[in-house]
Amino acid sequence: MTEIPALLLITQNLKLWLGYFLGSILSSLNFYFQAKGAESRVGLSPTSAKLSVFKNFYIRYLILVVFVIVCVKFLEVNIFSLLAGLLIAPVIVLIDGILAGKNTQESE
């Protein structure tokens, strides 16, 4: 569903489309690795879990920053479309949470 705007933009500007597409793919991968990291920390002691979460957080965002720099520097994609693509997964989660909250209020 998030790739529909990207497909609509492909005819307008390839670098704009590529930025949005790569950003949304990276955002999805970021959420995937965040979920896998959370699953792997269940059952650990509190101190080792904190350390593991700390390392996982900074490694994920370091990879994200390197990816953004490579995309902007070498692929010369549009930085704003790349950032819009990176924000698409959190926005969808937020909208889903808002809609889920409305559905529970209506059923009460």
C-alpha atoms as a PDB file:
ATOM      1  CA  MET A   1       0.000   0.000   0.000  1.00  0.00           C
ATOM      2  CA  THR A   2       2.833   2.409   0.726  1.00  0.00           C
ATOM      3  CA  GLU A   3       4.323   1.860  -2.705  1.00  0.00           C
ATOM      4  CA  ILE A   4       1.273   3.206  -4.565  1.00  0.00           C
ATOM      5  CA  PRO A   5       2.447   6.849  -4.299  1.00  0.00           C
ATOM      6  CA  ALA A   6       5.892   5.725  -5.423  1.00  0.00           C
ATOM      7  CA  LEU A   7       4.469   4.068  -8.516  1.00  0.00           C
ATOM      8  CA  LEU A   8       2.458   7.176  -9.317  1.00  0.00           C
ATOM      9  CA  LEU A   9       5.615   9.299  -9.116  1.00  0.00           C
ATOM     10  CA  ILE A  10       7.713   7.125 -11.433  1.00  0.00           C
ATOM     11  CA  THR A  11       6.515   8.907 -14.544  1.00  0.00           C
ATOM     12  CA  GLN A  12       7.278  12.345 -13.083  1.00  0.00           C
ATOM     13  CA  ASN A  13      10.797  12.045 -11.799  1.00  0.00           C
ATOM     14  CA  LEU A  14      12.889   8.916 -11.395  1.00  0.00           C
ATOM     15  CA  LYS A  15      15.086  10.304  -8.600  1.00  0.00           C
ATOM     16  CA  LEU A  16      12.034  11.436  -6.664  1.00  0.00           C
ATOM     17  CA  TRP A  17      10.481   7.995  -7.042  1.00  0.00           C
ATOM     18  CA  LEU A  18      13.708   6.203  -6.189  1.00  0.00           C
ATOM     19  CA  GLY A  19      14.121   8.239  -3.003  1.00  0.00           C
ATOM     20  CA  TYR A  20      10.597   7.477  -1.826  1.00  0.00           C
ATOM     21  CA  PHE A  21      10.876   3.806  -2.748  1.00  0.00           C
ATOM     22  CA  LEU A  22      14.252   3.264  -1.063  1.00  0.00           C
ATOM     23  CA  GLY A  23      13.153   5.213   2.011  1.00  0.00           C
ATOM     24  CA  SER A  24       9.998   3.177   2.452  1.00  0.00           C
ATOM     25  CA  ILE A  25      11.868  -0.104   1.970  1.00  0.00           C
ATOM     26  CA  LEU A  26      14.485   0.933   4.529  1.00  0.00           C
ATOM     27  CA  SER A  27      11.780   2.038   6.950  1.00  0.00           C
ATOM     28  CA  SER A  28      10.078  -1.338   6.637  1.00  0.00           C
ATOM     29  CA  LEU A  29      13.360  -3.163   7.207  1.00  0.00           C
ATOM     30  CA  ASN A  30      14.043  -0.981  10.242  1.00  0.00           C
ATOM     31  CA  PHE A  31      10.709  -1.986  11.789  1.00  0.00           C
ATOM     32  CA  TYR A  32      11.342  -5.636  10.944  1.00  0.00           C
ATOM     33  CA  PHE A  33      14.736  -5.670  12.659  1.00  0.00           C
ATOM     34  CA  GLN A  34      13.300  -3.772  15.601  1.00  0.00           C
ATOM     35  CA  ALA A  35      10.657  -6.474  16.051  1.00  0.00           C
ATOM     36  CA  LYS A  36      13.178  -9.294  15.665  1.00  0.00           C
ATOM     37  CA  GLY A  37      15.456  -7.603  18.182  1.00  0.00           C
ATOM     38  CA  ALA A  38      12.625  -7.280  20.682  1.00  0.00           C
ATOM     39  CA  GLU A  39      11.740 -10.957  20.289  1.00  0.00           C
ATOM     40  CA  SER A  40      15.313 -12.050  20.888  1.00  0.00           C
ATOM     41  CA  ARG A  41      15.551 -10.114  24.163  1.00  0.00           C
ATOM     42  CA  VAL A  42      12.637 -11.813  25.865  1.00  0.00           C
ATOM     43  CA  GLY A  43      13.892 -13.804  28.820  1.00  0.00           C
ATOM     44  CA  LEU A  44      17.225 -12.024  29.211  1.00  0.00           C
ATOM     45  CA  SER A  45      18.295 -10.506  32.486  1.00  0.00           C
ATOM     46  CA  PRO A  46      17.450  -6.799  32.788  1.00  0.00           C
ATOM     47  CA  THR A  47      21.046  -5.605  32.504  1.00  0.00           C
ATOM     48  CA  SER A  48      21.892  -7.706  29.465  1.00  0.00           C
ATOM     49  CA  ALA A  49      18.568  -6.796  27.842  1.00  0.00           C
ATOM     50  CA  LYS A  50      19.264  -3.076  28.327  1.00  0.00           C
ATOM     51  CA  LEU A  51      22.724  -3.405  26.835  1.00  0.00           C
ATOM     52  CA  SER A  52      21.421  -5.434  23.924  1.00  0.00           C
ATOM     53  CA  VAL A  53      18.618  -2.957  23.205  1.00  0.00           C
ATOM     54  CA  PHE A  54      21.086  -0.078  23.403  1.00  0.00           C
ATOM     55  CA  LYS A  55      23.431  -1.730  20.897  1.00  0.00           C
ATOM     56  CA  ASN A  56      20.606  -2.759  18.572  1.00  0.00           C
ATOM     57  CA  PHE A  57      19.142   0.753  18.559  1.00  0.00           C
ATOM     58  CA  TYR A  58      22.391   2.465  17.652  1.00  0.00           C
ATOM     59  CA  ILE A  59      23.422  -0.144  15.104  1.00  0.00           C
ATOM     60  CA  ARG A  60      20.062   0.153  13.314  1.00  0.00           C
ATOM     61  CA  TYR A  61      20.244   3.928  13.180  1.00  0.00           C
ATOM     62  CA  LEU A  62      23.894   3.931  12.173  1.00  0.00           C
ATOM     63  CA  ILE A  63      22.983   1.690   9.237  1.00  0.00           C
ATOM     64  CA  LEU A  64      20.085   4.010   8.437  1.00  0.00           C
ATOM     65  CA  VAL A  65      22.333   7.100   8.422  1.00  0.00           C
ATOM     66  CA  VAL A  66      24.946   5.389   6.252  1.00  0.00           C
ATOM     67  CA  PHE A  67      22.226   4.275   3.838  1.00  0.00           C
ATOM     68  CA  VAL A  68      20.811   7.805   3.598  1.00  0.00           C
ATOM     69  CA  ILE A  69      24.252   9.291   2.986  1.00  0.00           C
ATOM     70  CA  VAL A  70      25.025   6.730   0.274  1.00  0.00           C
ATOM     71  CA  CYS A  71      21.657   7.298  -1.416  1.00  0.00           C
ATOM     72  CA  VAL A  72      21.971  11.067  -1.408  1.00  0.00           C
ATOM     73  CA  LYS A  73      25.669  11.228  -2.260  1.00  0.00           C
ATOM     74  CA  PHE A  74      26.031   8.502  -4.879  1.00  0.00           C
ATOM     75  CA  LEU A  75      22.539   7.804  -6.212  1.00  0.00           C
ATOM     76  CA  GLU A  76      21.646  11.501  -6.001  1.00  0.00           C
ATOM     77  CA  VAL A  77      18.069  10.827  -4.953  1.00  0.00           C
ATOM     78  CA  ASN A  78      15.824  13.588  -3.696  1.00  0.00           C
ATOM     79  CA  ILE A  79      16.491  13.952   0.045  1.00  0.00           C
ATOM     80  CA  PHE A  80      12.925  15.042   0.801  1.00  0.00           C
ATOM     81  CA  SER A  81      11.363  12.064  -0.948  1.00  0.00           C
ATOM     82  CA  LEU A  82      13.831   9.775   0.842  1.00  0.00           C
ATOM     83  CA  LEU A  83      12.825  11.251   4.202  1.00  0.00           C
ATOM     84  CA  ALA A  84       9.142  10.958   3.279  1.00  0.00           C
ATOM     85  CA  GLY A  85       9.714   7.292   2.495  1.00  0.00           C
ATOM     86  CA  LEU A  86      11.511   6.802   5.812  1.00  0.00           C
ATOM     87  CA  LEU A  87       8.539   8.285   7.651  1.00  0.00           C
ATOM     88  CA  ILE A  88       5.891   6.209   5.908  1.00  0.00           C
ATOM     89  CA  ALA A  89       6.068   3.161   8.218  1.00  0.00           C
ATOM     90  CA  PRO A  90       5.776   5.162  11.480  1.00  0.00           C
ATOM     91  CA  VAL A  91       2.917   7.177   9.982  1.00  0.00           C
ATOM     92  CA  ILE A  92       1.057   4.006   9.038  1.00  0.00           C
ATOM     93  CA  VAL A  93       1.553   2.610  12.549  1.00  0.00           C
ATOM     94  CA  LEU A  94       0.262   5.883  14.011  1.00  0.00           C
ATOM     95  CA  ILE A  95      -2.795   5.945  11.753  1.00  0.00           C
ATOM     96  CA  ASP A  96      -3.502   2.301  12.560  1.00  0.00           C
ATOM     97  CA  GLY A  97      -3.311   3.067  16.283  1.00  0.00           C
ATOM     98  CA  ILE A  98      -5.668   6.014  15.926  1.00  0.00           C
ATOM     99  CA  LEU A  99      -8.164   3.986  13.920  1.00  0.00           C
ATOM    100  CA  ALA A 100      -7.934   1.072  16.356  1.00  0.00           C
ATOM    101  CA  GLY A 101      -8.654   3.485  19.210  1.00  0.00           C
ATOM    102  CA  LYS A 102     -11.720   4.816  17.421  1.00  0.00           C
ATOM    103  CA  ASN A 103     -12.991   1.301  16.789  1.00  0.00           C
ATOM    104  CA  THR A 104     -12.709   0.352  20.468  1.00  0.00           C
ATOM    105  CA  GLN A 105     -14.498   3.550  21.528  1.00  0.00           C
ATOM    106  CA  GLU A 106     -17.360   2.874  19.129  1.00  0.00           C
ATOM    107  CA  SER A 107     -17.835  -0.677  20.398  1.00  0.00           C
ATOM    108  CA  GLU A 108     -18.157   0.411  24.046  1.00  0.00           C
END
